[in-house]
Amino acid sequence: MVDVLSSVGLTDDELDQVFPTLRIHPYYDTGERITDENGRQQPVLAAQSSFGIYAYHEGTLDGWQTALSGATRIADNLYLLSVPNNGSAKVTVKVQAVEPGEARMPETRSNRG
């Protein structure tokens, strides 16, 4: 359905208004550091390409549940993923349409156990 709507000219911003959207915005450590107001060194991060999911469900819905595995959750909506220089890592993103009375899947599985 998203492909059809895109082919008739809907932009990503317009699709975001039509469908429940989960968007992941990754950043990487540039190796540079700045000193914050408390004198502590903080990493300078740079954005990478975002990716995401447009969700769709027919029928009764109590809400949506998301899960990210392969990265370590360090705060609400913030995850850490260590990737070797010039290497790769894999994360899995899941979205569940939660129907009335249905159990929600676990929110996150850490790659550190």
N, C-alpha and C. Protein backbone atom coordinates (compact mmCIF):
# COMPACT_ATOMS: atom_id res chain seq x y z
N MET A 1 0.81 -1.18 0.00
CA MET A 1 0.00 0.00 0.00
C MET A 1 0.87 1.26 0.00
N VAL A 2 1.96 1.24 0.80
CA VAL A 2 2.85 2.41 0.84
C VAL A 2 3.45 2.65 -0.53
N ASP A 3 3.86 1.58 -1.22
CA ASP A 3 4.43 1.73 -2.56
C ASP A 3 3.43 2.38 -3.52
N VAL A 4 2.18 1.97 -3.45
CA VAL A 4 1.14 2.54 -4.32
C VAL A 4 0.97 4.03 -4.02
N LEU A 5 0.89 4.37 -2.74
CA LEU A 5 0.71 5.78 -2.38
C LEU A 5 1.92 6.62 -2.76
N SER A 6 3.12 6.05 -2.61
CA SER A 6 4.32 6.76 -3.03
C SER A 6 4.34 6.97 -4.54
N SER A 7 3.87 5.95 -5.28
CA SER A 7 3.90 6.04 -6.75
C SER A 7 2.95 7.11 -7.29
N VAL A 8 1.93 7.48 -6.51
CA VAL A 8 1.02 8.54 -6.96
C VAL A 8 1.41 9.90 -6.40
N GLY A 9 2.58 9.95 -5.77
CA GLY A 9 3.13 11.24 -5.40
C GLY A 9 3.10 11.63 -3.94
N LEU A 10 2.62 10.76 -3.03
CA LEU A 10 2.67 11.12 -1.62
C LEU A 10 4.12 11.15 -1.14
N THR A 11 4.47 12.18 -0.41
CA THR A 11 5.82 12.32 0.12
C THR A 11 5.94 11.53 1.42
N ASP A 12 7.18 11.36 1.90
CA ASP A 12 7.39 10.69 3.19
C ASP A 12 6.66 11.43 4.31
N ASP A 13 6.69 12.76 4.28
CA ASP A 13 5.99 13.53 5.32
C ASP A 13 4.49 13.27 5.29
N GLU A 14 3.93 13.16 4.09
CA GLU A 14 2.49 12.86 3.97
C GLU A 14 2.18 11.44 4.41
N LEU A 15 3.04 10.48 4.05
CA LEU A 15 2.85 9.10 4.50
C LEU A 15 2.91 9.01 6.02
N ASP A 16 3.80 9.81 6.63
CA ASP A 16 3.90 9.83 8.10
C ASP A 16 2.59 10.26 8.74
N GLN A 17 1.80 11.07 8.04
CA GLN A 17 0.51 11.52 8.57
C GLN A 17 -0.58 10.47 8.38
N VAL A 18 -0.42 9.58 7.40
CA VAL A 18 -1.43 8.57 7.08
C VAL A 18 -1.25 7.31 7.92
N PHE A 19 -0.01 6.89 8.14
CA PHE A 19 0.28 5.63 8.82
C PHE A 19 0.98 5.86 10.15
N PRO A 20 0.70 5.00 11.14
CA PRO A 20 1.56 4.99 12.33
C PRO A 20 2.99 4.71 11.86
N THR A 21 3.92 5.50 12.33
CA THR A 21 5.28 5.45 11.81
C THR A 21 6.28 5.26 12.94
N LEU A 22 7.19 4.32 12.77
CA LEU A 22 8.32 4.15 13.68
C LEU A 22 9.56 4.54 12.90
N ARG A 23 10.28 5.54 13.36
CA ARG A 23 11.47 6.01 12.66
C ARG A 23 12.66 5.90 13.61
N ILE A 24 13.74 5.30 13.11
CA ILE A 24 14.98 5.14 13.87
C ILE A 24 15.99 6.14 13.31
N HIS A 25 16.60 6.92 14.21
CA HIS A 25 17.59 7.93 13.81
C HIS A 25 18.94 7.55 14.43
N PRO A 26 19.80 6.85 13.69
CA PRO A 26 21.11 6.47 14.24
C PRO A 26 22.14 7.60 14.14
N TYR A 27 23.04 7.59 15.09
CA TYR A 27 24.16 8.53 15.12
C TYR A 27 25.43 7.74 15.41
N TYR A 28 26.57 8.28 15.00
CA TYR A 28 27.83 7.62 15.31
C TYR A 28 28.78 8.62 15.97
N ASP A 29 29.69 8.06 16.75
CA ASP A 29 30.71 8.84 17.45
C ASP A 29 31.78 9.22 16.44
N THR A 30 32.01 10.52 16.24
CA THR A 30 32.99 10.99 15.26
C THR A 30 34.42 10.86 15.76
N GLY A 31 34.59 10.59 17.05
CA GLY A 31 35.92 10.55 17.64
C GLY A 31 36.33 11.90 18.21
N GLU A 32 35.60 12.95 17.85
CA GLU A 32 35.87 14.28 18.40
C GLU A 32 35.20 14.42 19.75
N ARG A 33 35.72 15.33 20.58
CA ARG A 33 35.16 15.58 21.90
C ARG A 33 35.03 17.08 22.12
N ILE A 34 33.99 17.45 22.89
CA ILE A 34 33.84 18.83 23.34
C ILE A 34 33.75 18.80 24.86
N THR A 35 34.05 19.93 25.46
CA THR A 35 33.97 20.04 26.91
C THR A 35 32.66 20.72 27.26
N ASP A 36 31.84 20.07 28.13
CA ASP A 36 30.56 20.66 28.51
C ASP A 36 30.76 21.69 29.61
N GLU A 37 29.66 22.30 30.05
CA GLU A 37 29.72 23.38 31.04
C GLU A 37 30.25 22.92 32.39
N ASN A 38 30.28 21.60 32.63
CA ASN A 38 30.82 21.05 33.88
C ASN A 38 32.25 20.57 33.73
N GLY A 39 32.86 20.85 32.57
CA GLY A 39 34.24 20.47 32.35
C GLY A 39 34.43 19.02 31.92
N ARG A 40 33.34 18.32 31.62
CA ARG A 40 33.45 16.91 31.21
C ARG A 40 33.54 16.82 29.69
N GLN A 41 34.31 15.86 29.22
CA GLN A 41 34.42 15.60 27.79
C GLN A 41 33.20 14.82 27.31
N GLN A 42 32.60 15.30 26.22
CA GLN A 42 31.42 14.65 25.64
C GLN A 42 31.71 14.33 24.18
N PRO A 43 31.22 13.18 23.69
CA PRO A 43 31.45 12.84 22.29
C PRO A 43 30.64 13.72 21.34
N VAL A 44 31.19 13.98 20.18
CA VAL A 44 30.48 14.67 19.11
C VAL A 44 29.88 13.59 18.22
N LEU A 45 28.56 13.61 18.06
CA LEU A 45 27.87 12.60 17.27
C LEU A 45 27.47 13.18 15.92
N ALA A 46 27.44 12.32 14.91
CA ALA A 46 26.99 12.71 13.57
C ALA A 46 25.86 11.78 13.14
N ALA A 47 24.91 12.34 12.42
CA ALA A 47 23.74 11.57 11.99
C ALA A 47 24.09 10.62 10.84
N GLN A 48 23.43 9.47 10.85
CA GLN A 48 23.48 8.53 9.73
C GLN A 48 22.09 8.51 9.09
N SER A 49 21.92 7.72 8.06
CA SER A 49 20.61 7.63 7.39
C SER A 49 19.58 7.02 8.32
N SER A 50 18.41 7.63 8.38
CA SER A 50 17.31 7.11 9.19
C SER A 50 16.62 5.98 8.44
N PHE A 51 15.92 5.15 9.21
CA PHE A 51 15.11 4.09 8.61
C PHE A 51 13.89 3.88 9.48
N GLY A 52 12.89 3.21 8.96
CA GLY A 52 11.70 3.02 9.77
C GLY A 52 10.68 2.10 9.16
N ILE A 53 9.53 2.08 9.80
CA ILE A 53 8.44 1.18 9.43
C ILE A 53 7.14 1.99 9.39
N TYR A 54 6.36 1.78 8.34
CA TYR A 54 4.99 2.25 8.31
C TYR A 54 4.12 1.07 8.72
N ALA A 55 3.33 1.23 9.77
CA ALA A 55 2.49 0.14 10.28
C ALA A 55 1.08 0.26 9.72
N TYR A 56 0.43 -0.89 9.60
CA TYR A 56 -0.95 -0.92 9.11
C TYR A 56 -1.64 -2.10 9.77
N HIS A 57 -2.90 -1.91 10.16
CA HIS A 57 -3.66 -2.99 10.79
C HIS A 57 -5.14 -2.79 10.50
N GLU A 58 -5.81 -3.87 10.18
CA GLU A 58 -7.26 -3.84 10.02
C GLU A 58 -7.88 -4.52 11.22
N GLY A 59 -8.92 -3.94 11.76
CA GLY A 59 -9.60 -4.53 12.91
C GLY A 59 -9.43 -3.67 14.15
N THR A 60 -9.94 -4.20 15.26
CA THR A 60 -9.89 -3.50 16.54
C THR A 60 -8.45 -3.42 17.02
N LEU A 61 -8.09 -2.29 17.59
CA LEU A 61 -6.71 -2.07 17.99
C LEU A 61 -6.66 -1.36 19.34
N ASP A 62 -5.88 -1.93 20.27
CA ASP A 62 -5.64 -1.28 21.56
C ASP A 62 -4.40 -0.39 21.52
N GLY A 63 -3.54 -0.60 20.55
CA GLY A 63 -2.33 0.20 20.46
C GLY A 63 -1.24 -0.55 19.73
N TRP A 64 -0.05 0.02 19.80
CA TRP A 64 1.11 -0.55 19.12
C TRP A 64 2.19 -0.84 20.15
N GLN A 65 2.95 -1.88 19.92
CA GLN A 65 4.10 -2.21 20.77
C GLN A 65 5.31 -2.34 19.86
N THR A 66 6.42 -1.77 20.28
CA THR A 66 7.64 -1.87 19.49
C THR A 66 8.71 -2.61 20.27
N ALA A 67 9.63 -3.20 19.54
CA ALA A 67 10.76 -3.90 20.16
C ALA A 67 11.98 -3.71 19.27
N LEU A 68 13.11 -3.52 19.91
CA LEU A 68 14.39 -3.40 19.22
C LEU A 68 15.34 -4.37 19.88
N SER A 69 15.89 -5.29 19.11
CA SER A 69 16.87 -6.22 19.67
C SER A 69 18.19 -6.07 18.92
N GLY A 70 19.27 -6.37 19.61
CA GLY A 70 20.59 -6.24 19.02
C GLY A 70 21.35 -5.02 19.50
N ALA A 71 20.67 -4.14 20.25
CA ALA A 71 21.29 -2.95 20.83
C ALA A 71 20.95 -2.90 22.31
N THR A 72 21.72 -2.14 23.07
CA THR A 72 21.51 -2.03 24.51
C THR A 72 20.75 -0.74 24.82
N ARG A 73 19.61 -0.88 25.49
CA ARG A 73 18.84 0.30 25.88
C ARG A 73 19.55 0.99 27.04
N ILE A 74 19.86 2.28 26.86
CA ILE A 74 20.54 3.02 27.92
C ILE A 74 19.67 4.12 28.52
N ALA A 75 18.56 4.43 27.88
CA ALA A 75 17.58 5.40 28.39
C ALA A 75 16.32 5.27 27.53
N ASP A 76 15.25 5.97 27.91
CA ASP A 76 14.05 5.95 27.08
C ASP A 76 14.39 6.44 25.68
N ASN A 77 14.03 5.65 24.70
CA ASN A 77 14.26 6.00 23.29
C ASN A 77 15.72 6.23 22.94
N LEU A 78 16.64 5.60 23.69
CA LEU A 78 18.07 5.75 23.41
C LEU A 78 18.75 4.40 23.59
N TYR A 79 19.44 3.97 22.54
CA TYR A 79 20.09 2.66 22.52
C TYR A 79 21.54 2.83 22.11
N LEU A 80 22.38 1.88 22.55
CA LEU A 80 23.80 1.87 22.21
C LEU A 80 24.10 0.60 21.43
N LEU A 81 24.80 0.75 20.33
CA LEU A 81 25.19 -0.38 19.51
C LEU A 81 26.66 -0.20 19.16
N SER A 82 27.49 -1.12 19.60
CA SER A 82 28.92 -1.07 19.28
C SER A 82 29.15 -1.77 17.95
N VAL A 83 29.80 -1.06 17.03
CA VAL A 83 30.09 -1.59 15.70
C VAL A 83 31.58 -1.43 15.45
N PRO A 84 32.27 -2.50 15.07
CA PRO A 84 33.70 -2.38 14.78
C PRO A 84 33.95 -1.40 13.63
N ASN A 85 35.10 -0.72 13.66
CA ASN A 85 35.46 0.19 12.58
C ASN A 85 35.42 -0.57 11.25
N ASN A 86 34.75 -0.01 10.27
CA ASN A 86 34.55 -0.63 8.95
C ASN A 86 33.80 -1.96 9.03
N GLY A 87 33.10 -2.18 10.13
CA GLY A 87 32.34 -3.41 10.31
C GLY A 87 30.85 -3.17 10.19
N SER A 88 30.10 -4.14 10.65
CA SER A 88 28.64 -4.02 10.62
C SER A 88 28.05 -4.67 11.85
N ALA A 89 26.81 -4.36 12.11
CA ALA A 89 26.06 -4.96 13.21
C ALA A 89 24.62 -5.08 12.75
N LYS A 90 23.88 -5.97 13.37
CA LYS A 90 22.50 -6.20 12.97
C LYS A 90 21.57 -5.89 14.14
N VAL A 91 20.52 -5.14 13.86
CA VAL A 91 19.45 -4.92 14.81
C VAL A 91 18.15 -5.41 14.17
N THR A 92 17.23 -5.80 15.02
CA THR A 92 15.92 -6.23 14.55
C THR A 92 14.87 -5.31 15.17
N VAL A 93 14.02 -4.75 14.34
CA VAL A 93 12.95 -3.87 14.79
C VAL A 93 11.62 -4.57 14.52
N LYS A 94 10.77 -4.62 15.54
CA LYS A 94 9.46 -5.24 15.39
C LYS A 94 8.38 -4.27 15.85
N VAL A 95 7.24 -4.33 15.18
CA VAL A 95 6.07 -3.56 15.58
C VAL A 95 4.90 -4.53 15.68
N GLN A 96 4.20 -4.49 16.81
CA GLN A 96 3.05 -5.36 17.03
C GLN A 96 1.78 -4.52 17.10
N ALA A 97 0.79 -4.90 16.31
CA ALA A 97 -0.55 -4.32 16.44
C ALA A 97 -1.23 -5.09 17.57
N VAL A 98 -1.48 -4.42 18.68
CA VAL A 98 -2.04 -5.08 19.87
C VAL A 98 -3.56 -5.00 19.83
N GLU A 99 -4.18 -6.15 19.71
CA GLU A 99 -5.64 -6.23 19.70
C GLU A 99 -6.15 -6.37 21.12
N PRO A 100 -7.42 -6.07 21.38
CA PRO A 100 -7.98 -6.18 22.74
C PRO A 100 -7.75 -7.57 23.32
N GLY A 101 -7.22 -7.60 24.55
CA GLY A 101 -6.96 -8.84 25.25
C GLY A 101 -5.68 -9.55 24.85
N GLU A 102 -4.97 -9.04 23.87
CA GLU A 102 -3.74 -9.67 23.41
C GLU A 102 -2.56 -9.22 24.26
N ALA A 103 -1.67 -10.16 24.59
CA ALA A 103 -0.46 -9.83 25.35
C ALA A 103 0.51 -9.06 24.46
N ARG A 104 1.17 -8.09 25.06
CA ARG A 104 2.17 -7.32 24.32
C ARG A 104 3.50 -8.08 24.31
N MET A 105 4.20 -7.99 23.20
CA MET A 105 5.53 -8.59 23.14
C MET A 105 6.47 -7.78 24.02
N PRO A 106 7.59 -8.38 24.46
CA PRO A 106 8.56 -7.62 25.26
C PRO A 106 9.08 -6.42 24.47
N GLU A 107 9.30 -5.32 25.18
CA GLU A 107 9.69 -4.07 24.53
C GLU A 107 11.07 -4.14 23.89
N THR A 108 12.05 -4.68 24.61
CA THR A 108 13.43 -4.68 24.13
C THR A 108 14.17 -5.87 24.67
N ARG A 109 15.02 -6.43 23.83
CA ARG A 109 15.96 -7.45 24.29
C ARG A 109 17.35 -6.88 24.07
N SER A 110 18.13 -6.80 25.13
CA SER A 110 19.47 -6.24 25.05
C SER A 110 20.42 -7.25 24.42
N ASN A 111 21.45 -6.76 23.73
CA ASN A 111 22.45 -7.67 23.20
C ASN A 111 23.48 -8.03 24.27
N ARG A 112 23.33 -7.49 25.46
CA ARG A 112 24.23 -7.83 26.57
C ARG A 112 23.57 -8.79 27.54
N GLY A 113 22.39 -9.30 27.19
CA GLY A 113 21.72 -10.27 28.05
C GLY A 113 20.85 -9.60 29.01
